[in-house]
Amino acid sequence: MYLARGNHESKSMNKIYGFEGEVRSKLGEKFVELFAEVFCWLPLAHVINKKVFVVHGGLFSVDGVKLSDIRSIDRFCEPPEEGMIAFFILFCLMIPACFQLIS
């Protein structure tokens, strides 16, 4: 199984949809912070069998984006509303696949 960061793996979405409150009430504030940190460690993309490119958000609206561009993204932050990281996690087009993490 491979997990990629999507639009719900952010502090704002966790707050809006109740995940933060549920974790806080059942496990405490420390776990809210731990989940936020773990979500930042999730990869933004995968390349499966050197053939299939997988992201949660879909493909770019511009041509010429390279794997090296993706690898250079600082994913250890809350997602912005625009830019390359936003393409990965804010839109909900999923391309099925299976292997090699980009990290």
N, C-alpha and C. Protein backbone atom coordinates (compact mmCIF):
# COMPACT_ATOMS: atom_id res chain seq x y z
N MET A 1 0.85 -1.16 0.00
CA MET A 1 0.00 0.00 0.00
C MET A 1 0.90 1.23 0.00
N TYR A 2 0.50 2.23 -0.75
CA TYR A 2 1.23 3.49 -0.83
C TYR A 2 0.27 4.62 -0.51
N LEU A 3 0.72 5.54 0.29
CA LEU A 3 -0.09 6.69 0.66
C LEU A 3 0.52 7.94 0.09
N ALA A 4 -0.32 8.80 -0.45
CA ALA A 4 0.13 10.10 -0.95
C ALA A 4 -0.65 11.18 -0.21
N ARG A 5 -0.02 12.30 -0.04
CA ARG A 5 -0.69 13.41 0.63
C ARG A 5 -1.77 13.98 -0.27
N GLY A 6 -2.93 14.16 0.31
CA GLY A 6 -4.06 14.73 -0.42
C GLY A 6 -4.57 15.98 0.27
N ASN A 7 -5.70 16.46 -0.16
CA ASN A 7 -6.22 17.72 0.37
C ASN A 7 -6.70 17.62 1.82
N HIS A 8 -6.98 16.43 2.32
CA HIS A 8 -7.43 16.31 3.71
C HIS A 8 -6.27 16.17 4.70
N GLU A 9 -5.05 16.05 4.21
CA GLU A 9 -3.91 15.93 5.10
C GLU A 9 -3.30 17.31 5.35
N SER A 10 -4.12 18.18 5.88
CA SER A 10 -3.69 19.53 6.24
C SER A 10 -4.43 19.97 7.50
N LYS A 11 -3.84 20.89 8.23
CA LYS A 11 -4.46 21.37 9.47
C LYS A 11 -5.83 21.98 9.22
N SER A 12 -5.94 22.78 8.16
CA SER A 12 -7.22 23.46 7.92
C SER A 12 -8.34 22.47 7.61
N MET A 13 -8.07 21.47 6.78
CA MET A 13 -9.10 20.49 6.45
C MET A 13 -9.43 19.62 7.67
N ASN A 14 -8.43 19.29 8.47
CA ASN A 14 -8.67 18.50 9.68
C ASN A 14 -9.58 19.25 10.64
N LYS A 15 -9.41 20.55 10.70
CA LYS A 15 -10.24 21.37 11.58
C LYS A 15 -11.67 21.48 11.03
N ILE A 16 -11.79 21.77 9.75
CA ILE A 16 -13.10 21.97 9.12
C ILE A 16 -13.96 20.72 9.20
N TYR A 17 -13.37 19.56 8.94
CA TYR A 17 -14.16 18.33 8.85
C TYR A 17 -14.18 17.51 10.14
N GLY A 18 -13.64 18.05 11.24
CA GLY A 18 -13.81 17.43 12.55
C GLY A 18 -12.74 16.45 12.99
N PHE A 19 -11.79 16.14 12.13
CA PHE A 19 -10.75 15.18 12.52
C PHE A 19 -9.93 15.71 13.70
N GLU A 20 -9.57 16.98 13.65
CA GLU A 20 -8.79 17.58 14.73
C GLU A 20 -9.52 17.48 16.06
N GLY A 21 -10.79 17.81 16.08
CA GLY A 21 -11.58 17.76 17.31
C GLY A 21 -11.72 16.35 17.85
N GLU A 22 -11.92 15.40 16.95
CA GLU A 22 -12.06 14.01 17.38
C GLU A 22 -10.75 13.49 17.97
N VAL A 23 -9.65 13.78 17.32
CA VAL A 23 -8.35 13.35 17.83
C VAL A 23 -8.07 14.02 19.18
N ARG A 24 -8.34 15.30 19.27
CA ARG A 24 -8.11 16.03 20.52
C ARG A 24 -8.93 15.44 21.66
N SER A 25 -10.20 15.13 21.41
CA SER A 25 -11.06 14.62 22.48
C SER A 25 -10.71 13.19 22.89
N LYS A 26 -10.23 12.39 21.95
CA LYS A 26 -9.93 10.99 22.25
C LYS A 26 -8.47 10.74 22.66
N LEU A 27 -7.55 11.54 22.09
CA LEU A 27 -6.13 11.25 22.28
C LEU A 27 -5.33 12.41 22.87
N GLY A 28 -5.85 13.64 22.76
CA GLY A 28 -5.15 14.79 23.33
C GLY A 28 -4.45 15.64 22.28
N GLU A 29 -4.01 16.81 22.74
CA GLU A 29 -3.38 17.81 21.86
C GLU A 29 -2.10 17.30 21.21
N LYS A 30 -1.31 16.52 21.95
CA LYS A 30 -0.04 16.02 21.40
C LYS A 30 -0.28 15.21 20.13
N PHE A 31 -1.36 14.42 20.09
CA PHE A 31 -1.65 13.62 18.90
C PHE A 31 -2.13 14.48 17.73
N VAL A 32 -2.80 15.58 18.01
CA VAL A 32 -3.18 16.52 16.94
C VAL A 32 -1.91 17.01 16.26
N GLU A 33 -0.93 17.38 17.06
CA GLU A 33 0.35 17.86 16.53
C GLU A 33 1.10 16.75 15.78
N LEU A 34 1.07 15.54 16.32
CA LEU A 34 1.75 14.42 15.66
C LEU A 34 1.13 14.10 14.30
N PHE A 35 -0.19 14.08 14.22
CA PHE A 35 -0.84 13.84 12.93
C PHE A 35 -0.44 14.91 11.91
N ALA A 36 -0.43 16.17 12.33
CA ALA A 36 -0.05 17.26 11.42
C ALA A 36 1.38 17.04 10.91
N GLU A 37 2.27 16.62 11.79
CA GLU A 37 3.65 16.38 11.37
C GLU A 37 3.75 15.18 10.42
N VAL A 38 3.06 14.10 10.75
CA VAL A 38 3.09 12.90 9.90
C VAL A 38 2.53 13.21 8.52
N PHE A 39 1.47 13.98 8.44
CA PHE A 39 0.89 14.31 7.14
C PHE A 39 1.91 15.05 6.26
N CYS A 40 2.74 15.87 6.86
CA CYS A 40 3.77 16.58 6.08
C CYS A 40 4.83 15.62 5.53
N TRP A 41 5.01 14.48 6.14
CA TRP A 41 5.99 13.50 5.67
C TRP A 41 5.45 12.65 4.52
N LEU A 42 4.15 12.65 4.31
CA LEU A 42 3.60 11.86 3.21
C LEU A 42 4.12 12.39 1.87
N PRO A 43 4.45 11.49 0.96
CA PRO A 43 4.93 11.93 -0.35
C PRO A 43 3.82 12.60 -1.15
N LEU A 44 4.21 13.52 -2.02
CA LEU A 44 3.25 14.20 -2.88
C LEU A 44 2.96 13.41 -4.14
N ALA A 45 3.86 12.48 -4.48
CA ALA A 45 3.71 11.73 -5.73
C ALA A 45 4.45 10.40 -5.63
N HIS A 46 4.09 9.50 -6.51
CA HIS A 46 4.75 8.21 -6.65
C HIS A 46 5.01 7.97 -8.13
N VAL A 47 6.05 7.21 -8.42
CA VAL A 47 6.26 6.68 -9.75
C VAL A 47 6.27 5.16 -9.59
N ILE A 48 5.36 4.50 -10.26
CA ILE A 48 5.17 3.06 -10.13
C ILE A 48 5.84 2.35 -11.30
N ASN A 49 6.72 1.41 -10.96
CA ASN A 49 7.41 0.61 -11.98
C ASN A 49 8.05 1.47 -13.07
N LYS A 50 8.48 2.65 -12.70
CA LYS A 50 9.12 3.59 -13.62
C LYS A 50 8.24 3.95 -14.83
N LYS A 51 6.92 3.75 -14.68
CA LYS A 51 6.01 3.99 -15.81
C LYS A 51 4.79 4.84 -15.46
N VAL A 52 4.27 4.69 -14.27
CA VAL A 52 3.00 5.34 -13.94
C VAL A 52 3.23 6.41 -12.87
N PHE A 53 2.78 7.61 -13.17
CA PHE A 53 2.91 8.76 -12.27
C PHE A 53 1.61 8.91 -11.49
N VAL A 54 1.70 8.96 -10.16
CA VAL A 54 0.51 9.01 -9.31
C VAL A 54 0.58 10.21 -8.38
N VAL A 55 -0.47 11.01 -8.40
CA VAL A 55 -0.65 12.12 -7.46
C VAL A 55 -2.12 12.18 -7.09
N HIS A 56 -2.41 12.77 -5.97
CA HIS A 56 -3.81 12.91 -5.55
C HIS A 56 -4.53 13.96 -6.39
N GLY A 57 -3.85 15.03 -6.69
CA GLY A 57 -4.51 16.18 -7.28
C GLY A 57 -4.64 16.22 -8.78
N GLY A 58 -3.86 15.45 -9.51
CA GLY A 58 -3.96 15.49 -10.96
C GLY A 58 -2.73 16.08 -11.61
N LEU A 59 -2.81 16.24 -12.90
CA LEU A 59 -1.68 16.72 -13.68
C LEU A 59 -1.62 18.24 -13.69
N PHE A 60 -0.51 18.78 -14.14
CA PHE A 60 -0.28 20.21 -14.12
C PHE A 60 -1.00 20.91 -15.27
N SER A 61 -1.26 22.19 -15.05
CA SER A 61 -1.87 23.00 -16.10
C SER A 61 -0.81 23.60 -17.02
N VAL A 62 0.46 23.37 -16.71
CA VAL A 62 1.56 23.84 -17.55
C VAL A 62 2.39 22.65 -18.00
N ASP A 63 3.02 22.77 -19.16
CA ASP A 63 3.89 21.71 -19.67
C ASP A 63 5.29 21.85 -19.10
N GLY A 64 6.05 20.77 -19.19
CA GLY A 64 7.46 20.83 -18.86
C GLY A 64 7.83 20.58 -17.41
N VAL A 65 6.87 20.19 -16.56
CA VAL A 65 7.21 19.89 -15.18
C VAL A 65 7.96 18.56 -15.15
N LYS A 66 9.12 18.54 -14.51
CA LYS A 66 9.97 17.35 -14.46
C LYS A 66 9.95 16.73 -13.07
N LEU A 67 10.36 15.48 -12.98
CA LEU A 67 10.44 14.82 -11.68
C LEU A 67 11.39 15.58 -10.75
N SER A 68 12.43 16.16 -11.29
CA SER A 68 13.36 16.93 -10.46
C SER A 68 12.66 18.16 -9.85
N ASP A 69 11.72 18.75 -10.57
CA ASP A 69 10.93 19.87 -10.03
C ASP A 69 10.10 19.39 -8.86
N ILE A 70 9.51 18.23 -9.00
CA ILE A 70 8.66 17.68 -7.95
C ILE A 70 9.49 17.34 -6.72
N ARG A 71 10.65 16.72 -6.94
CA ARG A 71 11.53 16.36 -5.82
C ARG A 71 12.01 17.58 -5.05
N SER A 72 12.09 18.71 -5.70
CA SER A 72 12.61 19.92 -5.05
C SER A 72 11.56 20.66 -4.21
N ILE A 73 10.32 20.24 -4.25
CA ILE A 73 9.26 20.90 -3.49
C ILE A 73 9.45 20.65 -2.00
N ASP A 74 9.36 21.69 -1.21
CA ASP A 74 9.39 21.56 0.24
C ASP A 74 7.98 21.20 0.69
N ARG A 75 7.75 19.91 0.91
CA ARG A 75 6.40 19.46 1.28
C ARG A 75 6.13 19.57 2.77
N PHE A 76 7.12 19.97 3.56
CA PHE A 76 6.98 20.04 5.01
C PHE A 76 6.38 21.37 5.44
N CYS A 77 5.16 21.62 4.94
CA CYS A 77 4.45 22.86 5.25
C CYS A 77 2.96 22.63 5.00
N GLU A 78 2.19 23.59 5.40
CA GLU A 78 0.77 23.55 5.06
C GLU A 78 0.62 23.92 3.59
N PRO A 79 -0.29 23.27 2.89
CA PRO A 79 -0.41 23.53 1.45
C PRO A 79 -0.91 24.95 1.15
N PRO A 80 -0.26 25.60 0.18
CA PRO A 80 -0.73 26.91 -0.25
C PRO A 80 -1.94 26.77 -1.17
N GLU A 81 -2.55 27.88 -1.51
CA GLU A 81 -3.72 27.85 -2.39
C GLU A 81 -3.35 27.81 -3.85
N GLU A 82 -2.08 28.08 -4.18
CA GLU A 82 -1.64 28.02 -5.57
C GLU A 82 -0.20 27.54 -5.61
N GLY A 83 0.27 27.23 -6.81
CA GLY A 83 1.63 26.75 -6.97
C GLY A 83 1.66 25.25 -7.17
N MET A 84 2.87 24.71 -7.30
CA MET A 84 3.03 23.31 -7.65
C MET A 84 2.46 22.35 -6.60
N ILE A 85 2.68 22.63 -5.33
CA ILE A 85 2.17 21.72 -4.29
C ILE A 85 0.64 21.68 -4.31
N ALA A 86 0.01 22.80 -4.63
CA ALA A 86 -1.45 22.85 -4.69
C ALA A 86 -1.99 21.93 -5.78
N PHE A 87 -1.29 21.83 -6.92
CA PHE A 87 -1.73 20.93 -7.98
C PHE A 87 -1.80 19.50 -7.49
N PHE A 88 -0.82 19.11 -6.68
CA PHE A 88 -0.75 17.72 -6.21
C PHE A 88 -1.88 17.36 -5.29
N ILE A 89 -2.24 18.26 -4.39
CA ILE A 89 -3.12 17.82 -3.33
C ILE A 89 -4.51 18.42 -3.31
N LEU A 90 -4.75 19.48 -4.05
CA LEU A 90 -6.05 20.13 -3.94
C LEU A 90 -7.10 19.61 -4.90
N PHE A 91 -6.68 19.02 -6.00
CA PHE A 91 -7.64 18.52 -6.97
C PHE A 91 -7.75 17.01 -6.82
N CYS A 92 -8.87 16.44 -7.15
CA CYS A 92 -9.13 15.05 -6.81
C CYS A 92 -9.13 14.11 -8.01
N LEU A 93 -8.14 14.17 -8.85
CA LEU A 93 -7.98 13.22 -9.94
C LEU A 93 -6.91 12.23 -9.51
N MET A 94 -7.24 10.95 -9.46
CA MET A 94 -6.28 9.95 -9.01
C MET A 94 -5.96 9.03 -10.18
N ILE A 95 -4.71 8.80 -10.41
CA ILE A 95 -4.27 7.87 -11.45
C ILE A 95 -3.84 6.60 -10.75
N PRO A 96 -4.50 5.43 -10.97
CA PRO A 96 -4.16 4.22 -10.24
C PRO A 96 -2.72 3.78 -10.49
N ALA A 97 -2.11 3.12 -9.50
CA ALA A 97 -0.77 2.58 -9.68
C ALA A 97 -0.18 1.86 -8.48
N CYS A 98 1.17 1.63 -8.48
CA CYS A 98 1.87 0.91 -7.40
C CYS A 98 3.39 0.98 -7.22
N PHE A 99 4.32 1.74 -7.05
CA PHE A 99 5.68 1.55 -6.50
C PHE A 99 6.52 2.81 -6.38
N GLN A 100 7.75 2.78 -6.28
CA GLN A 100 8.82 3.75 -6.06
C GLN A 100 8.38 5.16 -5.67
N LEU A 101 8.61 5.51 -4.44
CA LEU A 101 8.23 6.82 -3.91
C LEU A 101 9.17 7.91 -4.41
N ILE A 102 8.59 9.04 -4.65
CA ILE A 102 9.41 10.23 -4.89
C ILE A 102 9.54 10.91 -3.54
N SER A 103 10.75 11.08 -3.10
CA SER A 103 10.95 11.77 -1.81
C SER A 103 12.27 12.48 -1.76
